Amino acid sequence: MKAIWNNEILADASETIIVDGNHYFPPASLHKQFFKKSEKQTVCSWKGTASYYDIEVNGQSNKEAAWFYPEPKSAANNIAGFVAFWKGVQIIN
């Protein structure tokens, strides 16, 4: 699986975990040069508190386009630290 935005591969993994229709990529699969920590956080009732990354590629920024659960609730322990995408990031096989 690949996560692509602005013609760059953001993450590349042989396997992802699908939760609520979103592909969660393992942390080691990220091309970290494109990720900048955001201050945004949201709360999911069953997964816990999500943190976000801004994606920066070729001089363009996609604010809060990736999220992850650094310390999820027990029901979501399998995605701890894994990263999911939205806001125009393409997920392809």
Protein backbone atom coordinates (compact mmCIF):
# COMPACT_ATOMS: atom_id res chain seq x y z
CA MET A 1 0.00 0.00 0.00
CA LYS A 2 1.15 3.52 -0.76
CA ALA A 3 0.00 6.94 0.47
CA ILE A 4 0.60 9.58 -2.21
CA TRP A 5 0.11 13.34 -2.26
CA ASN A 6 1.46 15.96 -4.65
CA ASN A 7 3.19 13.22 -6.70
CA GLU A 8 5.28 12.01 -3.75
CA ILE A 9 5.03 8.74 -1.83
CA LEU A 10 4.41 9.62 1.82
CA ALA A 11 4.30 6.04 3.09
CA ASP A 12 4.92 2.62 1.56
CA ALA A 13 3.95 -0.57 3.41
CA SER A 14 3.44 -4.20 2.50
CA GLU A 15 0.56 -4.29 5.00
CA THR A 16 -1.70 -1.73 6.66
CA ILE A 17 -4.36 -2.10 9.33
CA ILE A 18 -7.83 -1.04 8.21
CA VAL A 19 -9.99 0.59 10.89
CA ASP A 20 -13.24 2.40 10.10
CA GLY A 21 -12.36 2.24 6.39
CA ASN A 22 -8.98 3.96 6.85
CA HIS A 23 -5.60 2.35 6.13
CA TYR A 24 -3.23 2.82 9.06
CA PHE A 25 0.42 2.65 7.98
CA PRO A 26 3.19 1.39 10.30
CA PRO A 27 5.48 4.17 11.57
CA ALA A 28 8.53 2.64 9.85
CA SER A 29 6.78 2.95 6.46
CA LEU A 30 6.63 6.76 6.61
CA HIS A 31 8.93 8.97 4.56
CA LYS A 32 9.44 11.26 7.53
CA GLN A 33 10.87 14.21 5.59
CA PHE A 34 7.29 15.04 4.49
CA PHE A 35 5.75 15.05 8.00
CA LYS A 36 5.61 17.98 10.41
CA LYS A 37 3.91 17.63 13.80
CA SER A 38 0.72 19.64 14.13
CA GLU A 39 -0.73 21.01 17.36
CA LYS A 40 -4.18 19.64 16.49
CA GLN A 41 -5.70 16.86 18.56
CA THR A 42 -9.14 15.27 18.43
CA VAL A 43 -10.83 12.62 20.55
CA CYS A 44 -12.49 9.44 19.35
CA SER A 45 -14.80 7.77 21.87
CA TRP A 46 -13.28 4.31 21.37
CA LYS A 47 -9.78 4.96 19.97
CA GLY A 48 -8.71 7.84 22.23
CA THR A 49 -6.84 11.07 21.48
CA ALA A 50 -5.49 11.51 17.95
CA SER A 51 -2.53 13.69 17.06
CA TYR A 52 -1.94 15.10 13.57
CA TYR A 53 0.79 15.79 11.06
CA ASP A 54 0.93 18.48 8.40
CA ILE A 55 2.23 17.11 5.10
CA GLU A 56 4.77 19.27 3.27
CA VAL A 57 5.76 18.31 -0.29
CA ASN A 58 7.47 20.39 -2.99
CA GLY A 59 6.72 23.67 -1.22
CA GLN A 60 3.04 22.88 -0.65
CA SER A 61 1.40 22.12 2.67
CA ASN A 62 -1.58 19.89 3.43
CA LYS A 63 -2.53 20.84 6.99
CA GLU A 64 -3.48 18.03 9.37
CA ALA A 65 -3.68 15.51 6.52
CA ALA A 66 -2.39 12.60 8.61
CA TRP A 67 -3.34 11.40 12.07
CA PHE A 68 -2.26 8.81 14.59
CA TYR A 69 -3.01 7.61 18.10
CA PRO A 70 0.19 7.75 20.19
CA GLU A 71 -1.52 6.21 23.23
CA PRO A 72 -4.83 4.70 22.10
CA LYS A 73 -7.46 3.17 24.32
CA SER A 74 -7.15 -0.59 24.74
CA ALA A 75 -9.69 -1.33 21.98
CA ALA A 76 -7.33 0.32 19.46
CA ASN A 77 -3.95 -0.84 20.78
CA ASN A 78 -3.23 -2.52 17.43
CA ILE A 79 -2.90 0.90 15.74
CA ALA A 80 -0.71 2.62 18.35
CA GLY A 81 1.58 4.97 16.41
CA PHE A 82 0.22 3.89 13.02
CA VAL A 83 -0.66 6.75 10.64
CA ALA A 84 -3.80 7.27 8.53
CA PHE A 85 -4.47 9.91 5.87
CA TRP A 86 -7.22 12.08 4.41
CA LYS A 87 -7.54 15.52 2.73
CA GLY A 88 -6.70 14.34 -0.77
CA VAL A 89 -3.96 11.84 0.09
CA GLN A 90 -4.43 8.87 -2.24
CA ILE A 91 -4.15 5.35 -0.89
CA ILE A 92 -3.28 2.85 -3.61
CA ASN A 93 -2.25 -0.78 -3.74
